């Protein structure tokens, strides 16, 4: 199954909250979630009136929400979960850390791209280097000390200039560092749970996959 290419606002409406899949456009008052606070489809309003979900439905929605935020297929997400299970520490936190240290997410967190989908496109089109070499795999796992940079020939691309011109240093997470002028970022440390600003309950995903 290919990657979803339909209206991303439908995904936000299905989860009942903004997933910020369109970058800055999600902060405007024209967001579909604000105007139609119910799931898409002809039965959407009826679903919105339901008072109670089953335990399984609650867990599934949490998993779907996180998967859609990061733009992953089910197999990719499941593989990251299985990796998190065998790592030391809390499985749910390990899963979020594995998601956060993907190259496409790092590009987004640094403010080089306005959304994770745009970050994936920059990586796929070979505009990004890691430690001096071009990497075109969005799922590439970035490690502490790695240097992520926009290729010298691509630093003046309009999407990159526009995005970085709209950001501020305060928006860069504490576990990352960014040199705005040279379009170069560095991973200072592995993020902890308090560094990951997502309103998700990762334990529900662990419970879902543990059934």
Protein backbone atom coordinates (compact mmCIF):
# COMPACT_ATOMS: atom_id res chain seq x y z
CA UNK A 1 0.00 0.00 0.00
CA UNK A 2 1.36 3.42 -0.97
CA UNK A 3 1.68 6.45 1.23
CA UNK A 4 -1.53 8.39 1.89
CA UNK A 5 -1.77 11.33 -0.50
CA UNK A 6 -5.31 12.54 0.23
CA UNK A 7 -6.38 15.61 2.25
CA UNK A 8 -4.40 15.56 5.48
CA UNK A 9 -7.09 17.55 7.28
CA UNK A 10 -9.23 14.41 7.14
CA UNK A 11 -6.60 12.61 9.22
CA UNK A 12 -6.70 15.34 11.85
CA UNK A 13 -10.50 15.26 11.94
CA UNK A 14 -10.46 11.47 12.32
CA UNK A 15 -8.23 11.75 15.38
CA UNK A 16 -10.22 14.70 16.75
CA UNK A 17 -7.25 17.05 17.09
CA UNK A 18 -4.62 18.92 15.10
CA UNK A 19 -1.72 16.70 14.06
CA UNK A 20 0.13 19.65 12.43
CA UNK A 21 0.65 17.80 9.15
CA UNK A 22 0.60 20.98 7.02
CA UNK A 23 3.11 23.04 8.95
CA UNK A 24 2.28 26.75 9.52
CA UNK A 25 -1.13 26.41 7.85
CA UNK A 26 -2.31 24.39 10.86
CA UNK A 27 -1.95 27.48 13.08
CA UNK A 28 -4.46 29.52 11.11
CA UNK A 29 -8.11 29.83 12.06
CA UNK A 30 -9.13 28.08 8.84
CA UNK A 31 -8.19 24.61 10.08
CA UNK A 32 -10.84 21.97 9.26
CA UNK A 33 -10.66 20.61 12.82
CA UNK A 34 -11.80 23.98 14.15
CA UNK A 35 -14.67 24.24 11.68
CA UNK A 36 -15.86 20.63 11.71
CA UNK A 37 -15.03 18.97 15.01
CA UNK A 38 -16.23 15.51 14.02
CA UNK A 39 -14.80 12.61 11.95
CA UNK A 40 -15.01 12.79 8.14
CA UNK A 41 -17.64 10.90 6.18
CA UNK A 42 -21.42 10.74 6.19
CA UNK A 43 -21.48 9.12 9.62
CA UNK A 44 -19.03 11.59 11.15
CA UNK A 45 -21.53 13.62 13.22
CA UNK A 46 -23.07 10.41 14.58
CA UNK A 47 -19.64 9.13 15.66
CA UNK A 48 -18.96 12.42 17.41
CA UNK A 49 -22.06 11.89 19.55
CA UNK A 50 -20.86 8.54 20.84
CA UNK A 51 -20.13 8.87 24.52
CA UNK A 52 -17.85 5.90 25.12
CA UNK A 53 -15.20 3.95 23.20
CA UNK A 54 -14.03 0.44 23.94
CA UNK A 55 -10.58 -0.06 25.44
CA UNK A 56 -9.32 -1.47 22.14
CA UNK A 57 -10.70 1.51 20.17
CA UNK A 58 -8.96 3.95 22.51
CA UNK A 59 -5.64 2.14 22.11
CA UNK A 60 -6.04 1.92 18.34
CA UNK A 61 -6.79 5.61 17.97
CA UNK A 62 -3.68 6.49 19.99
CA UNK A 63 -1.53 4.29 17.76
CA UNK A 64 -3.06 5.72 14.58
CA UNK A 65 -2.53 9.25 15.87
CA UNK A 66 1.19 8.77 16.52
CA UNK A 67 1.68 6.87 13.26
CA UNK A 68 0.05 9.69 11.31
CA UNK A 69 1.97 12.42 13.11
CA UNK A 70 5.27 10.87 11.99
CA UNK A 71 3.94 9.77 8.58
CA UNK A 72 4.79 6.07 8.84
CA UNK A 73 3.28 2.93 7.34
CA UNK A 74 2.05 0.23 9.72
CA UNK A 75 5.02 -2.06 8.99
CA UNK A 76 7.52 0.73 9.65
CA UNK A 77 5.78 1.63 12.91
CA UNK A 78 5.60 -2.00 14.03
CA UNK A 79 9.30 -2.51 13.30
CA UNK A 80 10.18 0.50 15.46
CA UNK A 81 7.99 -0.88 18.25
CA UNK A 82 9.73 -4.27 18.11
CA UNK A 83 13.07 -2.48 18.27
CA UNK A 84 11.85 -0.50 21.30
CA UNK A 85 10.83 -3.72 23.09
CA UNK A 86 14.37 -5.14 23.11
CA UNK A 87 16.02 -1.87 24.16
CA UNK A 88 16.74 -1.04 27.79
CA UNK A 89 14.25 1.27 29.49
CA UNK A 90 10.54 1.93 29.11
CA UNK A 91 9.16 0.54 25.84
CA UNK A 92 6.78 3.44 25.16
CA UNK A 93 9.50 6.06 25.68
CA UNK A 94 11.93 4.03 23.57
CA UNK A 95 9.37 4.04 20.75
CA UNK A 96 9.01 7.83 20.85
CA UNK A 97 12.80 8.29 20.96
CA UNK A 98 13.20 6.02 17.92
CA UNK A 99 10.62 8.12 16.09
CA UNK A 100 12.25 11.40 17.12
CA UNK A 101 15.73 10.34 15.97
CA UNK A 102 14.65 9.58 12.40
CA UNK A 103 16.40 11.89 9.95
CA UNK A 104 13.18 13.36 8.55
CA UNK A 105 11.99 14.26 12.05
CA UNK A 106 15.36 15.82 12.94
CA UNK A 107 15.12 18.04 9.83
CA UNK A 108 11.64 19.11 10.96
CA UNK A 109 12.68 19.71 14.58
CA UNK A 110 15.62 21.85 13.46
CA UNK A 111 13.21 24.07 11.54
CA UNK A 112 14.78 23.36 8.15
CA UNK A 113 11.43 22.01 6.93
CA UNK A 114 7.96 23.25 7.87
CA UNK A 115 6.49 19.73 8.17
CA UNK A 116 7.69 16.15 8.33
CA UNK A 117 6.37 15.49 4.83
CA UNK A 118 8.44 18.38 3.48
CA UNK A 119 11.44 17.05 5.43
CA UNK A 120 11.03 13.64 3.78
CA UNK A 121 10.96 15.31 0.38
CA UNK A 122 14.18 17.23 1.11
CA UNK A 123 15.89 14.00 2.15
CA UNK A 124 14.56 11.99 -0.82
CA UNK A 125 15.71 14.69 -3.25
CA UNK A 126 19.25 14.49 -1.80
CA UNK A 127 19.37 17.99 -0.32
CA UNK A 128 20.54 16.74 3.10
CA UNK A 129 23.94 15.58 4.32
CA UNK A 130 24.85 13.68 7.48
CA UNK A 131 28.47 13.98 8.59
CA UNK A 132 29.45 15.30 5.18
CA UNK A 133 27.78 12.61 3.07
CA UNK A 134 24.43 12.78 1.28
CA UNK A 135 21.73 10.61 2.87
CA UNK A 136 18.47 10.04 0.97
CA UNK A 137 16.74 7.71 3.44
CA UNK A 138 14.17 9.52 5.66
CA UNK A 139 14.19 6.69 8.22
CA UNK A 140 17.97 6.97 8.72
CA UNK A 141 18.69 6.77 12.46
CA UNK A 142 20.65 9.83 13.64
CA UNK A 143 23.04 9.39 16.58
CA UNK A 144 24.55 11.68 19.19
CA UNK A 145 27.25 13.86 17.67
CA UNK A 146 25.99 13.52 14.10
CA UNK A 147 26.04 16.69 12.02
CA UNK A 148 23.04 17.29 9.78
CA UNK A 149 23.37 19.92 7.07
CA UNK A 150 21.69 21.23 3.95
CA UNK A 151 23.97 20.67 0.96
CA UNK A 152 25.99 23.80 0.18
CA UNK A 153 24.46 24.03 -3.32
CA UNK A 154 20.91 23.87 -1.90
CA UNK A 155 21.07 26.31 1.02
CA UNK A 156 19.32 29.06 -0.90
CA UNK A 157 16.35 26.93 -1.98
CA UNK A 158 13.17 28.93 -1.47
CA UNK A 159 11.34 26.36 0.76
CA UNK A 160 14.35 26.19 3.09
CA UNK A 161 14.84 29.97 3.18
CA UNK A 162 11.13 30.53 3.83
CA UNK A 163 10.93 27.99 6.64
CA UNK A 164 14.11 29.07 8.40
CA UNK A 165 13.18 32.72 8.03
CA UNK A 166 9.97 32.06 9.97
CA UNK A 167 11.59 30.23 12.88
CA UNK A 168 13.46 31.40 15.97
CA UNK A 169 16.25 29.79 17.95
CA UNK A 170 13.87 29.28 20.88
CA UNK A 171 11.95 26.74 18.81
CA UNK A 172 14.96 24.38 18.56
CA UNK A 173 14.68 21.53 21.10
CA UNK A 174 17.33 21.47 23.82
CA UNK A 175 18.76 18.19 22.57
CA UNK A 176 19.60 19.74 19.19
CA UNK A 177 21.80 22.66 18.14
CA UNK A 178 21.49 24.71 14.95
CA UNK A 179 23.78 27.06 13.06
CA UNK A 180 21.23 29.18 11.15
CA UNK A 181 23.75 30.85 8.86
CA UNK A 182 25.31 27.64 7.57
CA UNK A 183 22.11 25.53 7.79
CA UNK A 184 23.88 22.97 9.98
CA UNK A 185 22.45 21.12 12.97
CA UNK A 186 23.92 18.73 15.51
CA UNK A 187 22.47 16.11 17.85
CA UNK A 188 23.69 16.98 21.35
CA UNK A 189 22.04 14.10 23.20
CA UNK A 190 19.30 11.52 22.99
CA UNK A 191 15.92 13.14 23.79
CA UNK A 192 14.12 12.23 27.00
CA UNK A 193 10.35 11.95 27.38
CA UNK A 194 10.01 15.51 28.69
CA UNK A 195 11.81 16.77 25.55
CA UNK A 196 9.17 15.26 23.25
CA UNK A 197 6.30 17.71 23.11
CA UNK A 198 3.55 15.35 22.00
CA UNK A 199 0.22 14.98 23.78
CA UNK A 200 0.16 11.20 23.40
CA UNK A 201 -0.20 8.28 25.77
CA UNK A 202 2.45 5.90 24.50
CA UNK A 203 1.54 3.27 27.09
CA UNK A 204 -1.73 2.69 25.22
CA UNK A 205 0.26 1.72 22.11
CA UNK A 206 2.33 -0.73 24.16
CA UNK A 207 -0.87 -2.28 25.52
CA UNK A 208 -2.32 -2.55 22.00
CA UNK A 209 0.67 -4.37 20.56
CA UNK A 210 0.94 -6.56 23.65
CA UNK A 211 -2.45 -8.19 23.11
